Amino acid sequence: MIVPTVIVALIITIKCYREKDIEFWVHLAVLFWISGNSYWMLCEFLNHEELKYYTVVPFVAGIISVVYFYKKYYFSNK
């Protein structure tokens, strides 16, 4: 289930980037979060509990993407 989900999120993100869609940053955040969640699940499944804390990187990157989107597009239009 991980591979098709990440591929679909990647395709949507690339499509939004090529079309210069303003929601690219939100889709990029979703891609980061799906990737981080997938890595977390794999660590749990393979009993690598000590490695699952590296998921903080994609989760924080997703938060930064959403903050950038709202700062640039949402709050600048008001």
N, C-alpha and C. Protein backbone atom coordinates (compact mmCIF):
# COMPACT_ATOMS: atom_id res chain seq x y z
N MET A 1 0.82 -1.21 0.00
CA MET A 1 0.00 0.00 0.00
C MET A 1 0.86 1.26 0.00
N ILE A 2 2.08 1.15 0.46
CA ILE A 2 2.91 2.35 0.58
C ILE A 2 3.30 2.88 -0.79
N VAL A 3 3.78 2.01 -1.66
CA VAL A 3 4.32 2.44 -2.95
C VAL A 3 3.27 3.16 -3.81
N PRO A 4 2.07 2.60 -4.01
CA PRO A 4 1.10 3.33 -4.83
C PRO A 4 0.67 4.66 -4.20
N THR A 5 0.56 4.71 -2.89
CA THR A 5 0.16 5.95 -2.24
C THR A 5 1.21 7.04 -2.43
N VAL A 6 2.47 6.69 -2.25
CA VAL A 6 3.55 7.67 -2.43
C VAL A 6 3.63 8.09 -3.90
N ILE A 7 3.45 7.15 -4.81
CA ILE A 7 3.52 7.49 -6.24
C ILE A 7 2.40 8.44 -6.63
N VAL A 8 1.19 8.19 -6.15
CA VAL A 8 0.07 9.09 -6.47
C VAL A 8 0.31 10.48 -5.89
N ALA A 9 0.79 10.55 -4.66
CA ALA A 9 1.08 11.85 -4.05
C ALA A 9 2.19 12.56 -4.82
N LEU A 10 3.18 11.83 -5.29
CA LEU A 10 4.26 12.42 -6.08
C LEU A 10 3.75 12.93 -7.42
N ILE A 11 2.90 12.15 -8.08
CA ILE A 11 2.34 12.58 -9.36
C ILE A 11 1.51 13.85 -9.20
N ILE A 12 0.69 13.91 -8.17
CA ILE A 12 -0.12 15.11 -7.93
C ILE A 12 0.77 16.31 -7.65
N THR A 13 1.82 16.11 -6.86
CA THR A 13 2.74 17.21 -6.54
C THR A 13 3.46 17.71 -7.78
N ILE A 14 3.94 16.80 -8.60
CA ILE A 14 4.63 17.19 -9.84
C ILE A 14 3.68 17.90 -10.79
N LYS A 15 2.45 17.42 -10.90
CA LYS A 15 1.47 18.06 -11.77
C LYS A 15 1.19 19.49 -11.31
N CYS A 16 1.04 19.68 -10.02
CA CYS A 16 0.79 21.03 -9.49
C CYS A 16 2.01 21.93 -9.71
N TYR A 17 3.19 21.38 -9.60
CA TYR A 17 4.41 22.17 -9.84
C TYR A 17 4.49 22.62 -11.29
N ARG A 18 4.20 21.71 -12.21
CA ARG A 18 4.27 22.05 -13.64
C ARG A 18 3.21 23.06 -14.04
N GLU A 19 2.05 22.99 -13.41
CA GLU A 19 0.96 23.91 -13.73
C GLU A 19 1.06 25.22 -12.95
N LYS A 20 2.08 25.36 -12.13
CA LYS A 20 2.28 26.55 -11.30
C LYS A 20 1.07 26.81 -10.41
N ASP A 21 0.48 25.73 -9.90
CA ASP A 21 -0.67 25.81 -9.01
C ASP A 21 -0.20 26.30 -7.63
N ILE A 22 -0.98 27.19 -7.03
CA ILE A 22 -0.56 27.75 -5.74
C ILE A 22 -0.64 26.72 -4.61
N GLU A 23 -1.39 25.65 -4.80
CA GLU A 23 -1.50 24.63 -3.77
C GLU A 23 -0.38 23.59 -3.85
N PHE A 24 0.63 23.86 -4.65
CA PHE A 24 1.78 22.95 -4.73
C PHE A 24 2.38 22.70 -3.37
N TRP A 25 2.48 23.73 -2.54
CA TRP A 25 3.13 23.60 -1.23
C TRP A 25 2.32 22.70 -0.31
N VAL A 26 1.01 22.74 -0.44
CA VAL A 26 0.16 21.87 0.38
C VAL A 26 0.32 20.41 -0.07
N HIS A 27 0.36 20.20 -1.38
CA HIS A 27 0.55 18.85 -1.89
C HIS A 27 1.94 18.32 -1.55
N LEU A 28 2.93 19.20 -1.54
CA LEU A 28 4.27 18.80 -1.14
C LEU A 28 4.27 18.38 0.33
N ALA A 29 3.53 19.11 1.16
CA ALA A 29 3.43 18.75 2.58
C ALA A 29 2.78 17.38 2.74
N VAL A 30 1.74 17.12 1.97
CA VAL A 30 1.07 15.81 2.03
C VAL A 30 2.04 14.71 1.62
N LEU A 31 2.85 14.97 0.59
CA LEU A 31 3.85 13.99 0.16
C LEU A 31 4.86 13.73 1.28
N PHE A 32 5.32 14.78 1.95
CA PHE A 32 6.23 14.62 3.08
C PHE A 32 5.58 13.79 4.19
N TRP A 33 4.33 14.09 4.51
CA TRP A 33 3.66 13.41 5.61
C TRP A 33 3.38 11.94 5.28
N ILE A 34 2.99 11.66 4.05
CA ILE A 34 2.78 10.27 3.66
C ILE A 34 4.09 9.50 3.70
N SER A 35 5.16 10.13 3.22
CA SER A 35 6.48 9.48 3.26
C SER A 35 6.93 9.23 4.69
N GLY A 36 6.77 10.22 5.54
CA GLY A 36 7.15 10.05 6.94
C GLY A 36 6.33 8.99 7.64
N ASN A 37 5.04 8.97 7.36
CA ASN A 37 4.17 7.97 7.96
C ASN A 37 4.51 6.57 7.46
N SER A 38 4.85 6.46 6.19
CA SER A 38 5.25 5.17 5.62
C SER A 38 6.53 4.67 6.26
N TYR A 39 7.49 5.57 6.42
CA TYR A 39 8.75 5.19 7.06
C TYR A 39 8.51 4.74 8.50
N TRP A 40 7.64 5.46 9.20
CA TRP A 40 7.30 5.11 10.58
C TRP A 40 6.69 3.71 10.64
N MET A 41 5.75 3.43 9.74
CA MET A 41 5.11 2.10 9.74
C MET A 41 6.12 1.00 9.42
N LEU A 42 7.04 1.26 8.48
CA LEU A 42 8.05 0.26 8.17
C LEU A 42 8.98 0.00 9.36
N CYS A 43 9.35 1.05 10.07
CA CYS A 43 10.18 0.89 11.26
C CYS A 43 9.47 0.05 12.32
N GLU A 44 8.19 0.31 12.50
CA GLU A 44 7.42 -0.47 13.47
C GLU A 44 7.28 -1.92 13.03
N PHE A 45 7.02 -2.12 11.74
CA PHE A 45 6.82 -3.47 11.24
C PHE A 45 8.11 -4.30 11.29
N LEU A 46 9.24 -3.66 11.00
CA LEU A 46 10.53 -4.36 10.98
C LEU A 46 11.25 -4.32 12.32
N ASN A 47 10.58 -3.83 13.35
CA ASN A 47 11.13 -3.76 14.71
C ASN A 47 12.42 -2.94 14.80
N HIS A 48 12.44 -1.81 14.12
CA HIS A 48 13.56 -0.87 14.23
C HIS A 48 13.07 0.39 14.97
N GLU A 49 12.71 0.18 16.21
CA GLU A 49 12.15 1.27 17.02
C GLU A 49 13.12 2.44 17.15
N GLU A 50 14.41 2.17 17.14
CA GLU A 50 15.39 3.24 17.33
C GLU A 50 15.50 4.15 16.11
N LEU A 51 15.02 3.72 14.96
CA LEU A 51 15.12 4.51 13.74
C LEU A 51 13.87 5.34 13.43
N LYS A 52 12.78 5.05 14.11
CA LYS A 52 11.53 5.72 13.75
C LYS A 52 11.52 7.20 14.13
N TYR A 53 12.45 7.62 14.96
CA TYR A 53 12.47 9.03 15.36
C TYR A 53 13.01 9.94 14.26
N TYR A 54 13.57 9.36 13.21
CA TYR A 54 14.01 10.15 12.06
C TYR A 54 12.83 10.67 11.24
N THR A 55 11.65 10.21 11.54
CA THR A 55 10.47 10.68 10.82
C THR A 55 10.16 12.13 11.14
N VAL A 56 10.81 12.67 12.13
CA VAL A 56 10.59 14.07 12.46
C VAL A 56 10.99 14.97 11.28
N VAL A 57 11.94 14.53 10.47
CA VAL A 57 12.41 15.34 9.34
C VAL A 57 11.30 15.56 8.31
N PRO A 58 10.65 14.51 7.77
CA PRO A 58 9.58 14.79 6.80
C PRO A 58 8.36 15.46 7.42
N PHE A 59 8.06 15.17 8.69
CA PHE A 59 6.91 15.83 9.31
C PHE A 59 7.16 17.33 9.48
N VAL A 60 8.35 17.70 9.90
CA VAL A 60 8.69 19.12 10.03
C VAL A 60 8.74 19.79 8.66
N ALA A 61 9.28 19.08 7.66
CA ALA A 61 9.31 19.64 6.31
C ALA A 61 7.90 19.90 5.80
N GLY A 62 6.96 19.02 6.12
CA GLY A 62 5.57 19.23 5.74
C GLY A 62 4.96 20.44 6.44
N ILE A 63 5.27 20.60 7.70
CA ILE A 63 4.76 21.77 8.44
C ILE A 63 5.34 23.05 7.86
N ILE A 64 6.63 23.04 7.53
CA ILE A 64 7.26 24.22 6.93
C ILE A 64 6.62 24.54 5.59
N SER A 65 6.29 23.53 4.79
CA SER A 65 5.64 23.75 3.49
C SER A 65 4.28 24.41 3.66
N VAL A 66 3.50 23.93 4.62
CA VAL A 66 2.17 24.50 4.85
C VAL A 66 2.28 25.93 5.38
N VAL A 67 3.21 26.17 6.29
CA VAL A 67 3.40 27.51 6.83
C VAL A 67 3.81 28.47 5.71
N TYR A 68 4.70 28.01 4.83
CA TYR A 68 5.12 28.83 3.70
C TYR A 68 3.94 29.16 2.80
N PHE A 69 3.10 28.15 2.52
CA PHE A 69 1.92 28.37 1.69
C PHE A 69 1.01 29.43 2.29
N TYR A 70 0.67 29.28 3.58
CA TYR A 70 -0.24 30.23 4.20
C TYR A 70 0.38 31.61 4.32
N LYS A 71 1.67 31.68 4.58
CA LYS A 71 2.33 32.98 4.69
C LYS A 71 2.36 33.68 3.34
N LYS A 72 2.67 32.94 2.29
CA LYS A 72 2.84 33.56 0.98
C LYS A 72 1.51 33.86 0.29
N TYR A 73 0.56 32.95 0.34
CA TYR A 73 -0.65 33.09 -0.45
C TYR A 73 -1.88 33.49 0.36
N TYR A 74 -2.07 32.91 1.49
CA TYR A 74 -3.30 33.16 2.23
C TYR A 74 -3.28 34.51 2.93
N PHE A 75 -2.22 34.77 3.68
CA PHE A 75 -2.17 36.01 4.44
C PHE A 75 -1.78 37.21 3.60
N SER A 76 -1.13 37.00 2.47
CA SER A 76 -0.74 38.14 1.62
C SER A 76 -1.92 38.66 0.80
N ASN A 77 -2.96 37.85 0.63
CA ASN A 77 -4.13 38.27 -0.17
C ASN A 77 -5.17 39.01 0.65
N LYS A 78 -4.97 39.13 1.94
CA LYS A 78 -5.97 39.81 2.77
C LYS A 78 -5.59 41.23 3.02
